[in-house]
C-alpha atoms as a PDB file:
ATOM      1  CA  UNK A   1      86.504  99.009  77.006  1.00  0.00           C
ATOM      2  CA  UNK A   2      88.508 101.742  76.259  1.00  0.00           C
ATOM      3  CA  UNK A   3      88.855 105.135  78.633  1.00  0.00           C
ATOM      4  CA  UNK A   4      89.017 107.785  76.951  1.00  0.00           C
ATOM      5  CA  UNK A   5      90.711 111.142  77.968  1.00  0.00           C
ATOM      6  CA  UNK A   6      90.831 114.446  75.904  1.00  0.00           C
ATOM      7  CA  UNK A   7      92.131 117.746  76.904  1.00  0.00           C
ATOM      8  CA  UNK A   8      94.047 120.423  74.798  1.00  0.00           C
ATOM      9  CA  UNK A   9      97.567 119.672  73.616  1.00  0.00           C
ATOM     10  CA  UNK A  10      99.998 120.853  70.624  1.00  0.00           C
ATOM     11  CA  UNK A  11     100.129 119.171  67.297  1.00  0.00           C
ATOM     12  CA  UNK A  12     103.121 116.830  68.853  1.00  0.00           C
ATOM     13  CA  UNK A  13     100.614 115.674  70.978  1.00  0.00           C
ATOM     14  CA  UNK A  14     102.371 116.958  74.655  1.00  0.00           C
ATOM     15  CA  UNK A  15      99.626 118.677  76.387  1.00  0.00           C
ATOM     16  CA  UNK A  16      99.458 122.366  76.404  1.00  0.00           C
ATOM     17  CA  UNK A  17     100.400 124.157  79.560  1.00  0.00           C
ATOM     18  CA  UNK A  18      97.651 123.371  81.987  1.00  0.00           C
ATOM     19  CA  UNK A  19      96.443 124.826  84.976  1.00  0.00           C
ATOM     20  CA  UNK A  20      96.187 123.182  88.548  1.00  0.00           C
ATOM     21  CA  UNK A  21      91.987 123.672  88.495  1.00  0.00           C
ATOM     22  CA  UNK A  22      92.506 121.914  84.686  1.00  0.00           C
ATOM     23  CA  UNK A  23      93.896 118.815  86.041  1.00  0.00           C
ATOM     24  CA  UNK A  24      91.929 118.068  89.107  1.00  0.00           C
ATOM     25  CA  UNK A  25      88.735 118.880  86.258  1.00  0.00           C
ATOM     26  CA  UNK A  26      90.751 116.157  84.501  1.00  0.00           C
ATOM     27  CA  UNK A  27      90.870 114.115  87.714  1.00  0.00           C
ATOM     28  CA  UNK A  28      88.024 114.149  88.829  1.00  0.00           C
ATOM     29  CA  UNK A  29      86.217 113.092  85.533  1.00  0.00           C
ATOM     30  CA  UNK A  30      88.519 110.066  85.126  1.00  0.00           C
ATOM     31  CA  UNK A  31      87.971 109.419  88.246  1.00  0.00           C
ATOM     32  CA  UNK A  32      83.584 109.379  88.493  1.00  0.00           C
ATOM     33  CA  UNK A  33      83.893 107.273  85.090  1.00  0.00           C
ATOM     34  CA  UNK A  34      86.376 104.403  86.828  1.00  0.00           C
ATOM     35  CA  UNK A  35      84.738 104.890  90.466  1.00  0.00           C
ATOM     36  CA  UNK A  36      81.812 107.051  90.751  1.00  0.00           C
ATOM     37  CA  UNK A  37      81.175 109.840  93.384  1.00  0.00           C
ATOM     38  CA  UNK A  38      81.657 107.695  96.938  1.00  0.00           C
ATOM     39  CA  UNK A  39      84.367 108.971  99.086  1.00  0.00           C
ATOM     40  CA  UNK A  40      86.709 105.436  99.007  1.00  0.00           C
ATOM     41  CA  UNK A  41      89.850 104.123  98.672  1.00  0.00           C
ATOM     42  CA  UNK A  42      90.441 103.350  94.810  1.00  0.00           C
ATOM     43  CA  UNK A  43      91.387  99.754  94.113  1.00  0.00           C
ATOM     44  CA  UNK A  44      94.350  98.980  92.458  1.00  0.00           C
ATOM     45  CA  UNK A  45      92.921  95.459  90.603  1.00  0.00           C
ATOM     46  CA  UNK A  46      90.371  97.415  89.173  1.00  0.00           C
ATOM     47  CA  UNK A  47      92.363 100.496  88.945  1.00  0.00           C
ATOM     48  CA  UNK A  48      94.761  98.424  86.621  1.00  0.00           C
ATOM     49  CA  UNK A  49      91.297  96.081  84.855  1.00  0.00           C
ATOM     50  CA  UNK A  50      89.667  99.457  83.495  1.00  0.00           C
ATOM     51  CA  UNK A  51      92.604 101.419  82.201  1.00  0.00           C
ATOM     52  CA  UNK A  52      94.949  98.728  79.963  1.00  0.00           C
ATOM     53  CA  UNK A  53      92.882 100.624  77.254  1.00  0.00           C
ATOM     54  CA  UNK A  54      93.001 104.127  76.741  1.00  0.00           C
ATOM     55  CA  UNK A  55      92.653 106.525  73.977  1.00  0.00           C
ATOM     56  CA  UNK A  56      94.620 109.864  74.878  1.00  0.00           C
ATOM     57  CA  UNK A  57      93.854 112.750  72.116  1.00  0.00           C
ATOM     58  CA  UNK A  58      93.209 110.023  70.017  1.00  0.00           C
ATOM     59  CA  UNK A  59      96.287 107.711  69.987  1.00  0.00           C
ATOM     60  CA  UNK A  60      95.124 104.659  71.083  1.00  0.00           C
ATOM     61  CA  UNK A  61      97.754 103.134  74.213  1.00  0.00           C
ATOM     62  CA  UNK A  62      98.019 100.566  75.354  1.00  0.00           C
ATOM     63  CA  UNK A  63      99.028 100.584  79.666  1.00  0.00           C
ATOM     64  CA  UNK A  64     101.267  97.054  80.296  1.00  0.00           C
ATOM     65  CA  UNK A  65     101.450  97.006  84.335  1.00  0.00           C
ATOM     66  CA  UNK A  66     103.779  95.185  85.946  1.00  0.00           C
ATOM     67  CA  UNK A  67     103.389  94.452  89.710  1.00  0.00           C
ATOM     68  CA  UNK A  68     106.161  91.754  90.050  1.00  0.00           C
ATOM     69  CA  UNK A  69     108.889  94.059  88.082  1.00  0.00           C
ATOM     70  CA  UNK A  70     112.166  95.336  89.400  1.00  0.00           C
ATOM     71  CA  UNK A  71     112.513  99.025  89.678  1.00  0.00           C
ATOM     72  CA  UNK A  72     115.704 100.903  90.122  1.00  0.00           C
ATOM     73  CA  UNK A  73     115.949 104.476  88.832  1.00  0.00           C
ATOM     74  CA  UNK A  74     118.639 106.071  86.799  1.00  0.00           C
ATOM     75  CA  UNK A  75     121.755 105.102  90.135  1.00  0.00           C
ATOM     76  CA  UNK A  76     121.020 101.722  90.155  1.00  0.00           C
ATOM     77  CA  UNK A  77     118.612 102.242  93.542  1.00  0.00           C
ATOM     78  CA  UNK A  78     115.073 100.601  93.739  1.00  0.00           C
ATOM     79  CA  UNK A  79     112.396 102.950  93.251  1.00  0.00           C
ATOM     80  CA  UNK A  80     108.445 103.063  94.162  1.00  0.00           C
ATOM     81  CA  UNK A  81     107.737 102.402  90.341  1.00  0.00           C
ATOM     82  CA  UNK A  82     108.129 103.924  86.727  1.00  0.00           C
ATOM     83  CA  UNK A  83     106.797 104.811  83.571  1.00  0.00           C
ATOM     84  CA  UNK A  84     108.041 103.936  80.103  1.00  0.00           C
ATOM     85  CA  UNK A  85     107.970 103.671  76.777  1.00  0.00           C
ATOM     86  CA  UNK A  86     110.259 101.372  74.237  1.00  0.00           C
ATOM     87  CA  UNK A  87     109.874 101.740  70.216  1.00  0.00           C
ATOM     88  CA  UNK A  88     109.811  97.979  69.780  1.00  0.00           C
ATOM     89  CA  UNK A  89     106.794  97.944  71.713  1.00  0.00           C
ATOM     90  CA  UNK A  90     104.379 100.413  69.322  1.00  0.00           C
ATOM     91  CA  UNK A  91     101.248 101.625  71.274  1.00  0.00           C
ATOM     92  CA  UNK A  92     101.995 100.898  74.747  1.00  0.00           C
ATOM     93  CA  UNK A  93     102.980 102.408  77.862  1.00  0.00           C
ATOM     94  CA  UNK A  94     104.790 100.170  80.827  1.00  0.00           C
ATOM     95  CA  UNK A  95     104.248 101.299  84.071  1.00  0.00           C
ATOM     96  CA  UNK A  96     105.541  99.615  87.013  1.00  0.00           C
ATOM     97  CA  UNK A  97     104.986  99.338  91.158  1.00  0.00           C
ATOM     98  CA  UNK A  98     107.350  98.195  92.836  1.00  0.00           C
ATOM     99  CA  UNK A  99     104.814  96.052  94.983  1.00  0.00           C
ATOM    100  CA  UNK A 100     107.107  94.666  97.150  1.00  0.00           C
ATOM    101  CA  UNK A 101     108.904  96.972  97.911  1.00  0.00           C
ATOM    102  CA  UNK A 102     105.656  98.555  98.937  1.00  0.00           C
ATOM    103  CA  UNK A 103     103.552  95.398 100.659  1.00  0.00           C
ATOM    104  CA  UNK A 104     102.555  96.534 103.372  1.00  0.00           C
ATOM    105  CA  UNK A 105     101.944 100.140 102.239  1.00  0.00           C
ATOM    106  CA  UNK A 106      99.032 100.210 100.073  1.00  0.00           C
ATOM    107  CA  UNK A 107      98.784 103.608 100.267  1.00  0.00           C
ATOM    108  CA  UNK A 108     102.027 104.504  99.105  1.00  0.00           C
ATOM    109  CA  UNK A 109     101.008 102.184  96.336  1.00  0.00           C
ATOM    110  CA  UNK A 110      97.449 103.880  95.255  1.00  0.00           C
ATOM    111  CA  UNK A 111      99.661 107.428  94.669  1.00  0.00           C
ATOM    112  CA  UNK A 112     102.500 105.617  92.790  1.00  0.00           C
ATOM    113  CA  UNK A 113     100.146 104.043  90.474  1.00  0.00           C
ATOM    114  CA  UNK A 114      97.860 106.898  89.944  1.00  0.00           C
ATOM    115  CA  UNK A 115     101.393 109.092  89.830  1.00  0.00           C
ATOM    116  CA  UNK A 116     102.658 107.148  87.048  1.00  0.00           C
ATOM    117  CA  UNK A 117      99.422 106.895  84.998  1.00  0.00           C
ATOM    118  CA  UNK A 118      99.647 110.536  85.233  1.00  0.00           C
ATOM    119  CA  UNK A 119     102.458 110.480  83.213  1.00  0.00           C
ATOM    120  CA  UNK A 120     101.120 107.761  80.977  1.00  0.00           C
ATOM    121  CA  UNK A 121      98.616 110.333  80.155  1.00  0.00           C
ATOM    122  CA  UNK A 122     100.294 113.094  79.519  1.00  0.00           C
ATOM    123  CA  UNK A 123     103.508 112.507  79.197  1.00  0.00           C
ATOM    124  CA  UNK A 124     103.300 109.276  77.025  1.00  0.00           C
ATOM    125  CA  UNK A 125     101.189 110.531  73.859  1.00  0.00           C
ATOM    126  CA  UNK A 126     104.140 112.569  72.500  1.00  0.00           C
ATOM    127  CA  UNK A 127     107.147 109.764  72.524  1.00  0.00           C
ATOM    128  CA  UNK A 128     104.549 107.345  71.174  1.00  0.00           C
ATOM    129  CA  UNK A 129     103.165 109.387  68.235  1.00  0.00           C
ATOM    130  CA  UNK A 130     106.964 109.753  66.885  1.00  0.00           C
ATOM    131  CA  UNK A 131     108.348 106.143  68.097  1.00  0.00           C
ATOM    132  CA  UNK A 132     110.783 107.400  70.754  1.00  0.00           C
ATOM    133  CA  UNK A 133     111.679 105.532  74.131  1.00  0.00           C
ATOM    134  CA  UNK A 134     111.216 108.078  77.460  1.00  0.00           C
ATOM    135  CA  UNK A 135     111.224 107.116  80.707  1.00  0.00           C
ATOM    136  CA  UNK A 136     110.504 108.226  84.896  1.00  0.00           C
ATOM    137  CA  UNK A 137     110.643 107.437  87.657  1.00  0.00           C
ATOM    138  CA  UNK A 138     109.217 107.439  91.172  1.00  0.00           C
ATOM    139  CA  UNK A 139     111.786 106.900  93.717  1.00  0.00           C
ATOM    140  CA  UNK A 140     110.076 109.096  96.598  1.00  0.00           C
ATOM    141  CA  UNK A 141     106.688 109.203  97.837  1.00  0.00           C
ATOM    142  CA  UNK A 142     104.539 111.505  95.181  1.00  0.00           C
ATOM    143  CA  UNK A 143     103.494 115.003  96.283  1.00  0.00           C
ATOM    144  CA  UNK A 144     106.507 114.427  98.875  1.00  0.00           C
ATOM    145  CA  UNK A 145     109.761 116.356  97.081  1.00  0.00           C
ATOM    146  CA  UNK A 146     113.115 116.172  99.321  1.00  0.00           C
ATOM    147  CA  UNK A 147     113.214 119.600 100.534  1.00  0.00           C
ATOM    148  CA  UNK A 148     114.984 122.411  98.109  1.00  0.00           C
ATOM    149  CA  UNK A 149     114.768 119.575  95.316  1.00  0.00           C
ATOM    150  CA  UNK A 150     113.388 121.776  91.928  1.00  0.00           C
ATOM    151  CA  UNK A 151     110.209 120.494  90.896  1.00  0.00           C
ATOM    152  CA  UNK A 152     110.106 119.437  87.279  1.00  0.00           C
ATOM    153  CA  UNK A 153     107.014 121.100  85.345  1.00  0.00           C
ATOM    154  CA  UNK A 154     106.260 116.893  84.270  1.00  0.00           C
ATOM    155  CA  UNK A 155     106.272 116.045  87.765  1.00  0.00           C
ATOM    156  CA  UNK A 156     103.719 119.161  89.271  1.00  0.00           C
ATOM    157  CA  UNK A 157     101.438 118.510  86.642  1.00  0.00           C
ATOM    158  CA  UNK A 158     101.518 114.368  87.609  1.00  0.00           C
ATOM    159  CA  UNK A 159     101.298 114.846  91.044  1.00  0.00           C
ATOM    160  CA  UNK A 160      98.490 117.779  90.752  1.00  0.00           C
ATOM    161  CA  UNK A 161      96.107 115.225  88.904  1.00  0.00           C
ATOM    162  CA  UNK A 162      97.401 112.422  91.507  1.00  0.00           C
ATOM    163  CA  UNK A 163      95.873 114.459  94.099  1.00  0.00           C
ATOM    164  CA  UNK A 164      92.391 115.716  92.759  1.00  0.00           C
ATOM    165  CA  UNK A 165      92.470 111.736  91.350  1.00  0.00           C
ATOM    166  CA  UNK A 166      92.844 110.504  94.921  1.00  0.00           C
ATOM    167  CA  UNK A 167      91.548 112.670  97.012  1.00  0.00           C
ATOM    168  CA  UNK A 168      88.458 114.942  94.661  1.00  0.00           C
ATOM    169  CA  UNK A 169      89.034 118.296  96.020  1.00  0.00           C
ATOM    170  CA  UNK A 170      84.578 118.274  95.780  1.00  0.00           C
ATOM    171  CA  UNK A 171      84.533 115.032  97.927  1.00  0.00           C
ATOM    172  CA  UNK A 172      86.503 116.602 100.579  1.00  0.00           C
ATOM    173  CA  UNK A 173      84.682 120.020 100.562  1.00  0.00           C
ATOM    174  CA  UNK A 174      81.252 117.678 101.682  1.00  0.00           C
ATOM    175  CA  UNK A 175      83.351 115.156 104.187  1.00  0.00           C
ATOM    176  CA  UNK A 176      85.259 118.184 106.186  1.00  0.00           C
ATOM    177  CA  UNK A 177      81.835 119.538 107.774  1.00  0.00           C
ATOM    178  CA  UNK A 178      81.327 115.938 109.189  1.00  0.00           C
ATOM    179  CA  UNK A 179      84.574 114.916 110.247  1.00  0.00           C
ATOM    180  CA  UNK A 180      85.206 118.552 112.063  1.00  0.00           C
ATOM    181  CA  UNK A 181      81.698 118.277 113.636  1.00  0.00           C
ATOM    182  CA  UNK A 182      82.329 114.629 114.990  1.00  0.00           C
ATOM    183  CA  UNK A 183      85.727 115.800 116.670  1.00  0.00           C
ATOM    184  CA  UNK A 184      84.928 119.065 118.257  1.00  0.00           C
ATOM    185  CA  UNK A 185      86.663 121.308 115.050  1.00  0.00           C
ATOM    186  CA  UNK A 186      85.136 124.471 114.919  1.00  0.00           C
ATOM    187  CA  UNK A 187      84.503 125.063 110.826  1.00  0.00           C
ATOM    188  CA  UNK A 188      84.254 128.751 108.624  1.00  0.00           C
ATOM    189  CA  UNK A 189      83.706 129.384 105.243  1.00  0.00           C
ATOM    190  CA  UNK A 190      85.021 131.452 102.499  1.00  0.00           C
ATOM    191  CA  UNK A 191      83.848 132.633  99.271  1.00  0.00           C
ATOM    192  CA  UNK A 192      85.679 130.972  96.810  1.00  0.00           C
ATOM    193  CA  UNK A 193      86.359 133.213  93.117  1.00  0.00           C
ATOM    194  CA  UNK A 194      83.098 131.888  91.923  1.00  0.00           C
ATOM    195  CA  UNK A 195      81.034 131.986  95.004  1.00  0.00           C
ATOM    196  CA  UNK A 196      81.321 128.504  95.757  1.00  0.00           C
ATOM    197  CA  UNK A 197      81.916 128.312  99.180  1.00  0.00           C
ATOM    198  CA  UNK A 198      85.054 126.796 100.599  1.00  0.00           C
ATOM    199  CA  UNK A 199      84.460 125.140 104.286  1.00  0.00           C
ATOM    200  CA  UNK A 200      87.711 125.048 106.106  1.00  0.00           C
ATOM    201  CA  UNK A 201      89.494 124.336 109.925  1.00  0.00           C
ATOM    202  CA  UNK A 202      90.577 128.016 111.057  1.00  0.00           C
ATOM    203  CA  UNK A 203      94.494 126.687 112.143  1.00  0.00           C
ATOM    204  CA  UNK A 204      97.507 126.902 111.333  1.00  0.00           C
ATOM    205  CA  UNK A 205      98.638 123.150 109.089  1.00  0.00           C
ATOM    206  CA  UNK A 206     101.054 122.055 111.903  1.00  0.00           C
ATOM    207  CA  UNK A 207      98.830 122.413 114.480  1.00  0.00           C
ATOM    208  CA  UNK A 208      98.689 119.074 117.258  1.00  0.00           C
ATOM    209  CA  UNK A 209      94.270 119.310 116.873  1.00  0.00           C
ATOM    210  CA  UNK A 210      94.173 118.519 112.963  1.00  0.00           C
ATOM    211  CA  UNK A 211      96.171 114.968 113.841  1.00  0.00           C
ATOM    212  CA  UNK A 212      92.749 113.005 114.091  1.00  0.00           C
ATOM    213  CA  UNK A 213      91.231 115.367 111.052  1.00  0.00           C
ATOM    214  CA  UNK A 214      93.904 114.260 109.263  1.00  0.00           C
ATOM    215  CA  UNK A 215      94.014 110.194 109.756  1.00  0.00           C
ATOM    216  CA  UNK A 216      90.459 109.634 109.404  1.00  0.00           C
ATOM    217  CA  UNK A 217      90.433 111.854 105.996  1.00  0.00           C
ATOM    218  CA  UNK A 218      93.642 109.413 105.544  1.00  0.00           C
ATOM    219  CA  UNK A 219      91.065 106.705 106.037  1.00  0.00           C
ATOM    220  CA  UNK A 220      88.352 107.648 104.238  1.00  0.00           C
ATOM    221  CA  UNK A 221      90.310 107.818 100.818  1.00  0.00           C
ATOM    222  CA  UNK A 222      93.084 105.283 102.028  1.00  0.00           C
ATOM    223  CA  UNK A 223      96.085 107.787 101.923  1.00  0.00           C
ATOM    224  CA  UNK A 224      98.844 108.399 103.408  1.00  0.00           C
ATOM    225  CA  UNK A 225      97.925 110.889 106.675  1.00  0.00           C
ATOM    226  CA  UNK A 226     101.264 113.329 105.073  1.00  0.00           C
ATOM    227  CA  UNK A 227      99.286 112.775 101.420  1.00  0.00           C
ATOM    228  CA  UNK A 228      96.314 114.822 103.439  1.00  0.00           C
ATOM    229  CA  UNK A 229      98.015 116.503 105.029  1.00  0.00           C
ATOM    230  CA  UNK A 230      99.443 117.760 102.039  1.00  0.00           C
ATOM    231  CA  UNK A 231      96.078 117.630  99.860  1.00  0.00           C
ATOM    232  CA  UNK A 232      94.185 119.075 102.956  1.00  0.00           C
ATOM    233  CA  UNK A 233      96.418 122.459 102.958  1.00  0.00           C
ATOM    234  CA  UNK A 234      96.841 123.023  98.534  1.00  0.00           C
ATOM    235  CA  UNK A 235      92.588 122.698  98.758  1.00  0.00           C
ATOM    236  CA  UNK A 236      92.713 125.552 101.140  1.00  0.00           C
ATOM    237  CA  UNK A 237      90.720 123.661 103.934  1.00  0.00           C
ATOM    238  CA  UNK A 238      93.292 124.272 106.650  1.00  0.00           C
ATOM    239  CA  UNK A 239      94.861 127.218 107.258  1.00  0.00           C
ATOM    240  CA  UNK A 240      94.257 130.465 108.580  1.00  0.00           C
ATOM    241  CA  UNK A 241      91.569 132.784 107.389  1.00  0.00           C
ATOM    242  CA  UNK A 242      94.185 134.434 104.917  1.00  0.00           C
ATOM    243  CA  UNK A 243      94.859 131.384 103.300  1.00  0.00           C
ATOM    244  CA  UNK A 244      93.586 131.718  99.054  1.00  0.00           C
ATOM    245  CA  UNK A 245      91.225 129.600  98.955  1.00  0.00           C
ATOM    246  CA  UNK A 246      92.176 126.989  96.051  1.00  0.00           C
ATOM    247  CA  UNK A 247      89.299 124.104  95.706  1.00  0.00           C
ATOM    248  CA  UNK A 248      91.113 121.888  92.879  1.00  0.00           C
END
């Protein structure tokens, strides 16, 4: 099976400046084709098996996944994952996940795998087409950048894809009322720009009452609580009423 992926791109096969909404739509479409519409944790073995051969904007790519390769950053420290090309391996992208480092953190394995996959589909077609070496290293948990660190466009794009792929906004919108009701949290609604209703909890993201909700949704999607807290806040699902609706 070949997973076919397409998005607006340049003549050099690099991605055009995609909005968060466009990235979320692409991530949601890929997830539906790979795993259906049920809210559940991504099965890493199935994810790897179903993405070994992909076509991105007409560029055929073989993803060579490795869970047992040593992964280090530019300074020689152990890293969580990597995505790279090698001119001696035409048409191939090497995706490495440091499973030995993350053996007891399946949630971080999922986020790292989705993050590196995003680099593979957005950043590597141009490198493969130009027979160039390119490499990305993930040294910190995706979506949890170091305070004050500048976010590069490629990393922002990979994180945006990862969030929408692991915890799609439409699935969160369906589940939030059920989980909020079970925990006795009052639910509110506001209209998005397209008049679609967005459910949200009228509490500050740092409020302790949200802890159980975040934990419950994190378990449903197989991600960390920190990941889910970021996802809910960015999607506009938690926060004060003047928080701008998102759903992406």
